C-alpha atoms as a PDB file:
ATOM      1  CA  MET A   1      26.635  -3.122  -8.518  1.00  0.00           C
ATOM      2  CA  LEU A   2      29.790  -4.498  -6.903  1.00  0.00           C
ATOM      3  CA  ALA A   3      28.966  -2.693  -3.685  1.00  0.00           C
ATOM      4  CA  TYR A   4      25.533  -4.339  -3.539  1.00  0.00           C
ATOM      5  CA  LYS A   5      27.071  -7.797  -4.026  1.00  0.00           C
ATOM      6  CA  VAL A   6      29.520  -7.250  -1.183  1.00  0.00           C
ATOM      7  CA  VAL A   7      26.758  -6.046   1.134  1.00  0.00           C
ATOM      8  CA  LEU A   8      24.524  -9.050   0.378  1.00  0.00           C
ATOM      9  CA  ILE A   9      27.329 -11.549   0.987  1.00  0.00           C
ATOM     10  CA  VAL A  10      28.070  -9.986   4.358  1.00  0.00           C
ATOM     11  CA  PHE A  11      24.389 -10.139   5.326  1.00  0.00           C
ATOM     12  CA  LEU A  12      24.392 -13.864   4.672  1.00  0.00           C
ATOM     13  CA  VAL A  13      26.877 -14.386   7.471  1.00  0.00           C
ATOM     14  CA  VAL A  14      26.035 -11.673  10.012  1.00  0.00           C
ATOM     15  CA  PRO A  15      22.354 -10.989  10.891  1.00  0.00           C
ATOM     16  CA  LEU A  16      21.393  -7.388  11.605  1.00  0.00           C
ATOM     17  CA  ASN A  17      22.102  -6.125  15.120  1.00  0.00           C
ATOM     18  CA  GLY A  18      23.811  -9.430  15.900  1.00  0.00           C
ATOM     19  CA  GLN A  19      20.452 -11.048  16.752  1.00  0.00           C
ATOM     20  CA  ARG A  20      19.284 -14.475  15.619  1.00  0.00           C
ATOM     21  CA  ARG A  21      16.260 -14.133  13.321  1.00  0.00           C
ATOM     22  CA  ARG A  22      13.014 -15.781  14.297  1.00  0.00           C
ATOM     23  CA  ASN A  23      11.468 -18.229  11.854  1.00  0.00           C
ATOM     24  CA  THR A  24       7.923 -16.869  11.504  1.00  0.00           C
ATOM     25  CA  ALA A  25       7.129 -18.230   8.025  1.00  0.00           C
ATOM     26  CA  GLY A  26       3.437 -18.858   7.717  1.00  0.00           C
ATOM     27  CA  THR A  27       2.505 -17.176  11.033  1.00  0.00           C
ATOM     28  CA  TYR A  28       1.518 -13.822   9.532  1.00  0.00           C
ATOM     29  CA  LYS A  29      -1.063 -12.915   6.887  1.00  0.00           C
ATOM     30  CA  VAL A  30      -1.229  -9.491   5.320  1.00  0.00           C
ATOM     31  CA  PRO A  31      -4.617  -8.151   6.466  1.00  0.00           C
ATOM     32  CA  GLN A  32      -7.238  -6.785   4.107  1.00  0.00           C
ATOM     33  CA  PRO A  33      -6.502  -3.055   3.792  1.00  0.00           C
ATOM     34  CA  ARG A  34      -8.809  -0.194   4.658  1.00  0.00           C
ATOM     35  CA  ILE A  35      -9.295   1.860   1.493  1.00  0.00           C
ATOM     36  CA  GLU A  36     -10.985   5.269   1.478  1.00  0.00           C
ATOM     37  CA  ALA A  37     -11.758   7.372  -1.596  1.00  0.00           C
ATOM     38  CA  TYR A  38     -12.030  11.120  -1.033  1.00  0.00           C
ATOM     39  CA  THR A  39     -13.860  14.023  -2.590  1.00  0.00           C
ATOM     40  CA  PRO A  40     -12.853  16.016  -4.498  1.00  0.00           C
ATOM     41  CA  VAL A  41      -9.550  14.146  -4.925  1.00  0.00           C
ATOM     42  CA  GLY A  42      -7.318  11.532  -3.324  1.00  0.00           C
ATOM     43  CA  PHE A  43      -7.513   8.173  -1.612  1.00  0.00           C
ATOM     44  CA  SER A  44      -5.667   6.191   1.055  1.00  0.00           C
ATOM     45  CA  VAL A  45      -4.776   2.529   1.617  1.00  0.00           C
ATOM     46  CA  SER A  46      -3.769   1.332   5.075  1.00  0.00           C
ATOM     47  CA  ILE A  47      -3.309  -1.711   7.291  1.00  0.00           C
ATOM     48  CA  GLU A  48      -3.200  -1.958  11.053  1.00  0.00           C
ATOM     49  CA  ASP A  49       0.235  -1.965  12.705  1.00  0.00           C
ATOM     50  CA  SER A  50       1.543  -5.262  14.069  1.00  0.00           C
ATOM     51  CA  PRO A  51       4.697  -6.011  16.123  1.00  0.00           C
ATOM     52  CA  GLY A  52       7.683  -6.652  13.876  1.00  0.00           C
ATOM     53  CA  ILE A  53       6.513  -4.765  10.771  1.00  0.00           C
ATOM     54  CA  ARG A  54       9.330  -2.707   9.268  1.00  0.00           C
ATOM     55  CA  LEU A  55       7.938  -1.771   5.834  1.00  0.00           C
ATOM     56  CA  PHE A  56       4.591  -1.523   4.012  1.00  0.00           C
ATOM     57  CA  ALA A  57       4.477  -1.144   0.219  1.00  0.00           C
ATOM     58  CA  PHE A  58       1.479  -0.399  -2.000  1.00  0.00           C
ATOM     59  CA  HIS A  59       1.301  -1.013  -5.758  1.00  0.00           C
ATOM     60  CA  GLY A  60      -1.847  -0.177  -7.650  1.00  0.00           C
ATOM     61  CA  SER A  61      -3.654   1.261 -10.648  1.00  0.00           C
ATOM     62  CA  VAL A  62      -7.137   2.691 -11.180  1.00  0.00           C
ATOM     63  CA  ASN A  63      -9.401   0.933 -13.706  1.00  0.00           C
ATOM     64  CA  LYS A  64      -6.449  -1.031 -15.079  1.00  0.00           C
ATOM     65  CA  GLU A  65      -5.654  -4.562 -13.921  1.00  0.00           C
ATOM     66  CA  LEU A  66      -2.071  -5.322 -12.904  1.00  0.00           C
ATOM     67  CA  GLU A  67      -0.089  -8.077 -14.574  1.00  0.00           C
ATOM     68  CA  ASP A  68       1.533 -10.311 -11.959  1.00  0.00           C
ATOM     69  CA  LEU A  69       3.725  -8.098  -9.731  1.00  0.00           C
ATOM     70  CA  GLU A  70       3.643  -5.037 -11.981  1.00  0.00           C
ATOM     71  CA  ALA A  71       4.666  -1.821 -10.195  1.00  0.00           C
ATOM     72  CA  GLY A  72       1.443  -0.120 -11.229  1.00  0.00           C
ATOM     73  CA  GLU A  73       0.381   3.510 -11.553  1.00  0.00           C
ATOM     74  CA  PHE A  74       0.986   4.042  -7.833  1.00  0.00           C
ATOM     75  CA  SER A  75       4.009   2.528  -6.111  1.00  0.00           C
ATOM     76  CA  LYS A  76       5.462   3.516  -2.776  1.00  0.00           C
ATOM     77  CA  ASP A  77       7.270   2.166   0.284  1.00  0.00           C
ATOM     78  CA  VAL A  78       5.960   3.333   3.650  1.00  0.00           C
ATOM     79  CA  LEU A  79       8.617   3.194   6.374  1.00  0.00           C
ATOM     80  CA  HIS A  80       6.714   4.669   9.327  1.00  0.00           C
ATOM     81  CA  THR A  81       3.330   4.249  10.991  1.00  0.00           C
ATOM     82  CA  GLU A  82       0.822   7.016  11.640  1.00  0.00           C
ATOM     83  CA  ASN A  83      -1.859   6.687  14.306  1.00  0.00           C
ATOM     84  CA  GLY A  84      -1.208   2.965  14.592  1.00  0.00           C
ATOM     85  CA  ARG A  85      -1.539   2.257  10.860  1.00  0.00           C
ATOM     86  CA  TRP A  86       0.743   1.865   7.851  1.00  0.00           C
ATOM     87  CA  THR A  87      -0.798   4.200   5.287  1.00  0.00           C
ATOM     88  CA  PHE A  88      -0.277   4.983   1.612  1.00  0.00           C
ATOM     89  CA  GLU A  89      -1.773   8.321   0.555  1.00  0.00           C
ATOM     90  CA  ASP A  90      -2.520   9.793  -2.858  1.00  0.00           C
ATOM     91  CA  ARG A  91      -3.567  13.459  -2.920  1.00  0.00           C
ATOM     92  CA  ARG A  92      -4.076  14.152  -6.633  1.00  0.00           C
ATOM     93  CA  THR A  93      -6.204  11.425  -8.169  1.00  0.00           C
ATOM     94  CA  ARG A  94      -9.903  12.159  -8.790  1.00  0.00           C
ATOM     95  CA  LEU A  95     -12.022   9.064  -8.268  1.00  0.00           C
ATOM     96  CA  HIS A  96     -15.676   8.435  -9.078  1.00  0.00           C
ATOM     97  CA  VAL A  97     -18.191   5.956  -7.739  1.00  0.00           C
ATOM     98  CA  GLY A  98     -17.730   2.746  -9.755  1.00  0.00           C
ATOM     99  CA  ASP A  99     -13.971   3.160 -10.231  1.00  0.00           C
ATOM    100  CA  ILE A 100     -11.907   0.114  -9.320  1.00  0.00           C
ATOM    101  CA  ILE A 101      -8.484   0.205  -7.646  1.00  0.00           C
ATOM    102  CA  TYR A 102      -6.400  -2.868  -8.474  1.00  0.00           C
ATOM    103  CA  TYR A 103      -3.495  -3.481  -6.097  1.00  0.00           C
ATOM    104  CA  TRP A 104      -1.034  -5.778  -4.377  1.00  0.00           C
ATOM    105  CA  LEU A 105       0.615  -5.205  -1.007  1.00  0.00           C
ATOM    106  CA  PHE A 106       4.021  -6.109   0.388  1.00  0.00           C
ATOM    107  CA  VAL A 107       4.918  -6.208   4.092  1.00  0.00           C
ATOM    108  CA  ILE A 108       8.239  -6.901   5.823  1.00  0.00           C
ATOM    109  CA  ARG A 109       7.596  -8.384   9.266  1.00  0.00           C
ATOM    110  CA  ASP A 110      10.187 -10.016  11.521  1.00  0.00           C
ATOM    111  CA  ASP A 111      12.672  -9.808   8.633  1.00  0.00           C
ATOM    112  CA  LEU A 112      10.470 -11.848   6.264  1.00  0.00           C
ATOM    113  CA  GLY A 113       8.479 -10.579   3.291  1.00  0.00           C
ATOM    114  CA  TYR A 114       4.747 -11.268   2.806  1.00  0.00           C
ATOM    115  CA  ARG A 115       2.366 -10.312  -0.025  1.00  0.00           C
ATOM    116  CA  LEU A 116      -1.343  -9.858  -0.552  1.00  0.00           C
ATOM    117  CA  ASP A 117      -1.874 -10.428  -4.284  1.00  0.00           C
ATOM    118  CA  ASN A 118      -4.646  -9.679  -6.804  1.00  0.00           C
ATOM    119  CA  GLY A 119      -6.463  -7.135  -4.656  1.00  0.00           C
ATOM    120  CA  TRP A 120      -9.232  -4.884  -5.974  1.00  0.00           C
ATOM    121  CA  PHE A 121     -11.532  -2.281  -4.454  1.00  0.00           C
ATOM    122  CA  GLU A 122     -14.642  -0.744  -5.997  1.00  0.00           C
ATOM    123  CA  VAL A 123     -15.376   2.855  -5.056  1.00  0.00           C
ATOM    124  CA  LYS A 124     -18.932   2.944  -3.680  1.00  0.00           C
ATOM    125  CA  GLU A 125     -18.799   6.274  -1.872  1.00  0.00           C
ATOM    126  CA  LEU A 126     -16.610   9.366  -1.560  1.00  0.00           C
ATOM    127  CA  VAL A 127     -15.842  10.937   1.818  1.00  0.00           C
ATOM    128  CA  ASP A 128     -14.498  14.396   2.550  1.00  0.00           C
ATOM    129  CA  SER A 129     -10.786  14.662   1.862  1.00  0.00           C
ATOM    130  CA  PRO A 130      -8.457  15.288   4.807  1.00  0.00           C
ATOM    131  CA  PHE A 131      -5.817  16.669   2.403  1.00  0.00           C
ATOM    132  CA  GLU A 132      -5.150  20.071   0.927  1.00  0.00           C
ATOM    133  CA  LEU A 133      -6.380  20.230  -2.658  1.00  0.00           C
ATOM    134  CA  SER A 134      -3.934  19.769  -5.525  1.00  0.00           C
ATOM    135  CA  PRO A 135      -4.619  21.590  -8.809  1.00  0.00           C
ATOM    136  CA  ARG A 136      -5.594  19.806 -12.029  1.00  0.00           C
ATOM    137  CA  PRO A 137      -6.039  16.247 -10.857  1.00  0.00           C
ATOM    138  CA  PRO A 138      -5.554  13.732 -13.688  1.00  0.00           C
ATOM    139  CA  LYS A 139      -8.588  12.205 -15.425  1.00  0.00           C
ATOM    140  CA  ARG A 140      -9.310   8.536 -14.873  1.00  0.00           C
ATOM    141  CA  PRO A 141      -9.995   5.965 -17.632  1.00  0.00           C
ATOM    142  CA  THR A 142     -13.340   4.181 -17.837  1.00  0.00           C
ATOM    143  CA  PRO A 143     -13.549   1.267 -15.365  1.00  0.00           C
ATOM    144  CA  PRO A 144     -13.505  -2.278 -16.827  1.00  0.00           C
ATOM    145  CA  PRO A 145     -16.022  -4.979 -15.783  1.00  0.00           C
ATOM    146  CA  ARG A 146     -15.979  -5.743 -12.102  1.00  0.00           C
ATOM    147  CA  PRO A 147     -13.703  -8.725 -11.291  1.00  0.00           C
ATOM    148  CA  SER A 148     -15.305 -11.931 -10.052  1.00  0.00           C
ATOM    149  CA  SER A 149     -12.723 -12.927  -7.459  1.00  0.00           C
ATOM    150  CA  GLN A 150     -11.413 -11.446  -4.243  1.00  0.00           C
ATOM    151  CA  PRO A 151      -7.735 -10.867  -3.366  1.00  0.00           C
ATOM    152  CA  ASP A 152      -5.481 -13.922  -3.062  1.00  0.00           C
ATOM    153  CA  GLN A 153      -3.685 -14.229   0.251  1.00  0.00           C
ATOM    154  CA  ASN A 154      -0.034 -15.227  -0.120  1.00  0.00           C
ATOM    155  CA  ASN A 155       1.124 -16.724   3.176  1.00  0.00           C
ATOM    156  CA  GLN A 156       4.631 -17.651   2.107  1.00  0.00           C
ATOM    157  CA  PRO A 157       7.655 -15.383   2.455  1.00  0.00           C
ATOM    158  CA  ASP A 158       8.473 -13.503  -0.717  1.00  0.00           C
ATOM    159  CA  THR A 159      11.925 -14.443  -2.023  1.00  0.00           C
ATOM    160  CA  SER A 160      12.289 -12.468  -5.211  1.00  0.00           C
ATOM    161  CA  CYS A 161      14.428  -9.355  -5.164  1.00  0.00           C
ATOM    162  CA  ASN A 162      12.979  -8.639  -8.607  1.00  0.00           C
ATOM    163  CA  THR A 163       9.688  -7.715  -6.954  1.00  0.00           C
ATOM    164  CA  ILE A 164      11.157  -4.772  -5.074  1.00  0.00           C
ATOM    165  CA  PRO A 165       8.690  -1.885  -5.283  1.00  0.00           C
ATOM    166  CA  GLN A 166       9.781   0.704  -7.813  1.00  0.00           C
ATOM    167  CA  GLN A 167       9.249   4.341  -6.911  1.00  0.00           C
ATOM    168  CA  THR A 168       6.923   5.853  -9.515  1.00  0.00           C
ATOM    169  CA  THR A 169       5.305   8.523  -7.377  1.00  0.00           C
ATOM    170  CA  THR A 170       6.759  11.417  -5.487  1.00  0.00           C
ATOM    171  CA  THR A 171       7.824  10.375  -1.989  1.00  0.00           C
ATOM    172  CA  THR A 172       8.706  12.376   1.086  1.00  0.00           C
ATOM    173  CA  GLU A 173      11.440   9.978   2.224  1.00  0.00           C
ATOM    174  CA  ALA A 174      15.034  10.937   1.529  1.00  0.00           C
ATOM    175  CA  PRO A 175      16.956   8.995  -1.149  1.00  0.00           C
ATOM    176  CA  ASP A 176      19.077   7.444   1.586  1.00  0.00           C
ATOM    177  CA  LYS A 177      16.004   5.837   3.146  1.00  0.00           C
ATOM    178  CA  GLU A 178      14.834   4.536  -0.239  1.00  0.00           C
ATOM    179  CA  ARG A 179      18.276   3.030  -0.791  1.00  0.00           C
ATOM    180  CA  GLU A 180      18.195   1.558   2.715  1.00  0.00           C
ATOM    181  CA  ALA A 181      14.808  -0.049   2.034  1.00  0.00           C
ATOM    182  CA  PHE A 182      16.107  -1.466  -1.255  1.00  0.00           C
ATOM    183  CA  LEU A 183      19.169  -3.003   0.385  1.00  0.00           C
ATOM    184  CA  ARG A 184      17.074  -4.238   3.272  1.00  0.00           C
ATOM    185  CA  LEU A 185      14.694  -6.071   0.958  1.00  0.00           C
ATOM    186  CA  CYS A 186      17.551  -7.600  -1.023  1.00  0.00           C
ATOM    187  CA  GLU A 187      19.131  -8.725   2.225  1.00  0.00           C
ATOM    188  CA  LEU A 188      15.908 -10.441   3.274  1.00  0.00           C
ATOM    189  CA  THR A 189      15.629 -12.075  -0.147  1.00  0.00           C
ATOM    190  CA  VAL A 190      19.091 -13.585   0.194  1.00  0.00           C
ATOM    191  CA  LEU A 191      18.443 -14.677   3.770  1.00  0.00           C
ATOM    192  CA  ASN A 192      15.170 -16.377   2.820  1.00  0.00           C
ATOM    193  CA  ALA A 193      16.849 -18.138  -0.095  1.00  0.00           C
ATOM    194  CA  THR A 194      19.690 -19.212   2.195  1.00  0.00           C
ATOM    195  CA  GLN A 195      17.247 -20.699   4.699  1.00  0.00           C
ATOM    196  CA  ALA A 196      15.629 -22.691   1.890  1.00  0.00           C
ATOM    197  CA  LEU A 197      19.029 -23.925   0.655  1.00  0.00           C
ATOM    198  CA  LEU A 198      20.061 -24.964   4.154  1.00  0.00           C
ATOM    199  CA  SER A 199      16.831 -26.913   4.500  1.00  0.00           C
ATOM    200  CA  LEU A 200      17.471 -28.655   1.170  1.00  0.00           C
ATOM    201  CA  GLN A 201      21.068 -29.391   2.181  1.00  0.00           C
ATOM    202  CA  SER A 202      19.815 -31.042   5.358  1.00  0.00           C
ATOM    203  CA  GLN A 203      17.515 -33.260   3.293  1.00  0.00           C
ATOM    204  CA  VAL A 204      20.372 -34.135   0.922  1.00  0.00           C
ATOM    205  CA  ASN A 205      22.583 -35.094   3.869  1.00  0.00           C
ATOM    206  CA  SER A 206      19.830 -37.297   5.285  1.00  0.00           C
ATOM    207  CA  LEU A 207      19.340 -39.042   1.930  1.00  0.00           C
ATOM    208  CA  THR A 208      23.102 -39.527   1.584  1.00  0.00           C
ATOM    209  CA  ILE A 209      23.279 -41.257   4.963  1.00  0.00           C
ATOM    210  CA  THR A 210      20.305 -43.468   4.074  1.00  0.00           C
ATOM    211  CA  ASN A 211      21.922 -44.384   0.759  1.00  0.00           C
ATOM    212  CA  GLN A 212      25.164 -45.304   2.503  1.00  0.00           C
ATOM    213  CA  LYS A 213      23.306 -47.569   4.936  1.00  0.00           C
ATOM    214  CA  LEU A 214      21.409 -49.303   2.117  1.00  0.00           C
ATOM    215  CA  THR A 215      24.619 -49.740   0.125  1.00  0.00           C
ATOM    216  CA  ALA A 216      26.380 -51.309   3.099  1.00  0.00           C
ATOM    217  CA  LEU A 217      23.410 -53.633   3.632  1.00  0.00           C
ATOM    218  CA  LEU A 218      23.311 -54.776   0.002  1.00  0.00           C
ATOM    219  CA  GLU A 219      27.064 -55.325  -0.039  1.00  0.00           C
ATOM    220  CA  LYS A 220      26.583 -58.087   2.546  1.00  0.00           C
ATOM    221  CA  TYR A 221      24.419 -60.181   0.207  1.00  0.00           C
ATOM    222  CA  PRO A 222      26.348 -62.793  -1.859  1.00  0.00           C
ATOM    223  CA  ASP A 223      24.861 -61.600  -5.153  1.00  0.00           C
ATOM    224  CA  GLY A 224      24.743 -57.910  -4.249  1.00  0.00           C
ATOM    225  CA  ARG A 225      27.409 -56.934  -6.792  1.00  0.00           C
ATOM    226  CA  LYS A 226      26.612 -59.532  -9.483  1.00  0.00           C
ATOM    227  CA  LEU A 227      25.005 -59.071 -12.896  1.00  0.00           C
ATOM    228  CA  THR A 228      24.226 -61.386 -15.829  1.00  0.00           C
ATOM    229  CA  ILE A 229      24.919 -60.903 -19.532  1.00  0.00           C
ATOM    230  CA  SER A 230      22.631 -62.892 -21.826  1.00  0.00           C
ATOM    231  CA  GLY A 231      21.621 -62.891 -25.449  1.00  0.00           C
ATOM    232  CA  ARG A 232      23.852 -63.139 -28.488  1.00  0.00           C
ATOM    233  CA  LEU A 233      27.293 -63.982 -27.047  1.00  0.00           C
ATOM    234  CA  GLN A 234      30.306 -65.832 -28.456  1.00  0.00           C
ATOM    235  CA  LYS A 235      30.394 -69.260 -26.790  1.00  0.00           C
ATOM    236  CA  ASP A 236      34.066 -70.094 -27.211  1.00  0.00           C
ATOM    237  CA  ASP A 237      35.742 -66.986 -25.755  1.00  0.00           C
ATOM    238  CA  ASP A 238      36.732 -66.556 -22.140  1.00  0.00           C
ATOM    239  CA  ALA A 239      33.828 -65.243 -19.960  1.00  0.00           C
ATOM    240  CA  LEU A 240      35.912 -62.501 -18.351  1.00  0.00           C
ATOM    241  CA  THR A 241      37.182 -61.301 -21.752  1.00  0.00           C
ATOM    242  CA  ILE A 242      33.658 -61.150 -23.188  1.00  0.00           C
ATOM    243  CA  THR A 243      32.350 -59.309 -20.140  1.00  0.00           C
ATOM    244  CA  ARG A 244      35.020 -56.627 -20.299  1.00  0.00           C
ATOM    245  CA  PHE A 245      34.520 -56.304 -24.065  1.00  0.00           C
ATOM    246  CA  VAL A 246      30.746 -55.765 -23.728  1.00  0.00           C
ATOM    247  CA  LEU A 247      31.145 -53.221 -20.929  1.00  0.00           C
ATOM    248  CA  ARG A 248      33.814 -51.293 -22.817  1.00  0.00           C
ATOM    249  CA  GLU A 249      32.482 -51.442 -26.376  1.00  0.00           C
ATOM    250  CA  LYS A 250      28.720 -51.467 -25.773  1.00  0.00           C
ATOM    251  CA  LEU A 251      28.456 -49.287 -22.660  1.00  0.00           C
ATOM    252  CA  ASP A 252      31.658 -47.238 -22.872  1.00  0.00           C
ATOM    253  CA  LEU A 253      32.480 -48.252 -19.277  1.00  0.00           C
ATOM    254  CA  ASN A 254      35.562 -49.759 -17.708  1.00  0.00           C
ATOM    255  CA  PRO A 255      34.570 -50.950 -14.214  1.00  0.00           C
ATOM    256  CA  ASP A 256      36.608 -53.344 -12.105  1.00  0.00           C
ATOM    257  CA  VAL A 257      35.290 -56.850 -12.924  1.00  0.00           C
ATOM    258  CA  VAL A 258      36.220 -59.220 -10.090  1.00  0.00           C
ATOM    259  CA  SER A 259      35.093 -62.446 -11.736  1.00  0.00           C
ATOM    260  CA  ALA A 260      33.015 -63.852 -14.604  1.00  0.00           C
ATOM    261  CA  THR A 261      31.517 -67.334 -15.006  1.00  0.00           C
ATOM    262  CA  ARG A 262      29.863 -69.002 -17.992  1.00  0.00           C
ATOM    263  CA  ASN A 263      26.443 -70.524 -17.182  1.00  0.00           C
ATOM    264  CA  SER A 264      24.949 -73.669 -18.714  1.00  0.00           C
ATOM    265  CA  ASP A 265      22.549 -71.638 -20.887  1.00  0.00           C
ATOM    266  CA  GLY A 266      25.447 -69.642 -22.401  1.00  0.00           C
ATOM    267  CA  SER A 267      24.892 -66.511 -20.323  1.00  0.00           C
ATOM    268  CA  ILE A 268      27.658 -64.997 -18.195  1.00  0.00           C
ATOM    269  CA  THR A 269      27.387 -64.008 -14.546  1.00  0.00           C
ATOM    270  CA  PHE A 270      29.984 -61.469 -13.479  1.00  0.00           C
ATOM    271  CA  GLU A 271      30.778 -59.652 -10.252  1.00  0.00           C
ATOM    272  CA  LEU A 272      31.884 -56.044  -9.886  1.00  0.00           C
ATOM    273  CA  SER A 273      34.027 -54.646  -7.101  1.00  0.00           C
ATOM    274  CA  ASN A 274      31.340 -52.309  -5.703  1.00  0.00           C
ATOM    275  CA  LEU A 275      27.635 -51.548  -5.795  1.00  0.00           C
ATOM    276  CA  THR A 276      28.130 -48.112  -7.363  1.00  0.00           C
ATOM    277  CA  ASP A 277      29.624 -49.677 -10.490  1.00  0.00           C
ATOM    278  CA  LYS A 278      26.704 -52.100 -10.658  1.00  0.00           C
ATOM    279  CA  ILE A 279      24.187 -49.259 -10.635  1.00  0.00           C
ATOM    280  CA  GLU A 280      26.165 -47.386 -13.294  1.00  0.00           C
ATOM    281  CA  VAL A 281      26.254 -50.473 -15.540  1.00  0.00           C
ATOM    282  CA  LEU A 282      22.501 -51.033 -15.189  1.00  0.00           C
ATOM    283  CA  GLU A 283      21.727 -47.391 -16.031  1.00  0.00           C
ATOM    284  CA  ALA A 284      24.002 -47.465 -19.093  1.00  0.00           C
ATOM    285  CA  ALA A 285      22.590 -50.808 -20.283  1.00  0.00           C
ATOM    286  CA  LYS A 286      19.029 -49.517 -20.004  1.00  0.00           C
ATOM    287  CA  GLU A 287      19.863 -46.689 -22.412  1.00  0.00           C
ATOM    288  CA  LYS A 288      22.446 -48.179 -24.762  1.00  0.00           C
ATOM    289  CA  LEU A 289      21.270 -51.788 -25.083  1.00  0.00           C
ATOM    290  CA  LYS A 290      17.554 -51.160 -25.617  1.00  0.00           C
ATOM    291  CA  ASN A 291      17.861 -52.071 -29.347  1.00  0.00           C
ATOM    292  CA  SER A 292      20.591 -54.685 -28.860  1.00  0.00           C
ATOM    293  CA  ARG A 293      20.465 -58.476 -28.707  1.00  0.00           C
ATOM    294  CA  VAL A 294      22.688 -58.335 -25.630  1.00  0.00           C
ATOM    295  CA  ILE A 295      20.927 -57.980 -22.274  1.00  0.00           C
ATOM    296  CA  ILE A 296      22.441 -57.090 -18.895  1.00  0.00           C
ATOM    297  CA  SER A 297      20.313 -57.690 -15.826  1.00  0.00           C
END
């Protein structure tokens, strides 16, 4: 686990092969797959190759709907193309006309992850199998009612390392390649999350600058830092003393009060040293004085 953490942190700083990654979010859609069911056994799921694709993963079950991003009865990463297509193959499952294959696909292209969710395919015909026969193919459960909707296309990059395809079927790739694919996907997850955080940080910086400009503008107004205390106040005490007492005892605040003046109606107008303190006083008064006879505005 520690080794994985170290690897992911390094990937955040140094892109693979020293190349700057291209931002292709939203420019690629996982195509509808070509699915063929074979007789007597087997089926295949494939998509056409496209520049930049590094991995194709299939997750599916027969006659059993998948819950969210469930791994499914069949789950495999495909790391190489064959005849210009990325192809998942099953050579043991016996299908019948009317069976339904539920699936979701995952593709890594240009170092970003894309999904095709909620896919389903109804077997309407069986073609001759190109595979060698496997003995005792497993029996299939009875198909449920045909779904009413078609696959949902997810155009956004996938950013969840928790959705990494889990190997539940026998694969021909070596364990090292499976581990490489796992680390690769985690790396892309972290990179995608980092891009999102950098975008948010840029927005925060922009808002901070805007806030500073507005604060400086308001500071120039004569009453920009002034507030008024009204309501049930003692009329004989010093205005500055009353102001500091209310702020400390009622609001649990101790801002720098520059001045305080008693008005003809008995209210007190006071000035704080900065606009930030004024905002803090108003927020505290809104919460703590809502059932009080003292009002700060």
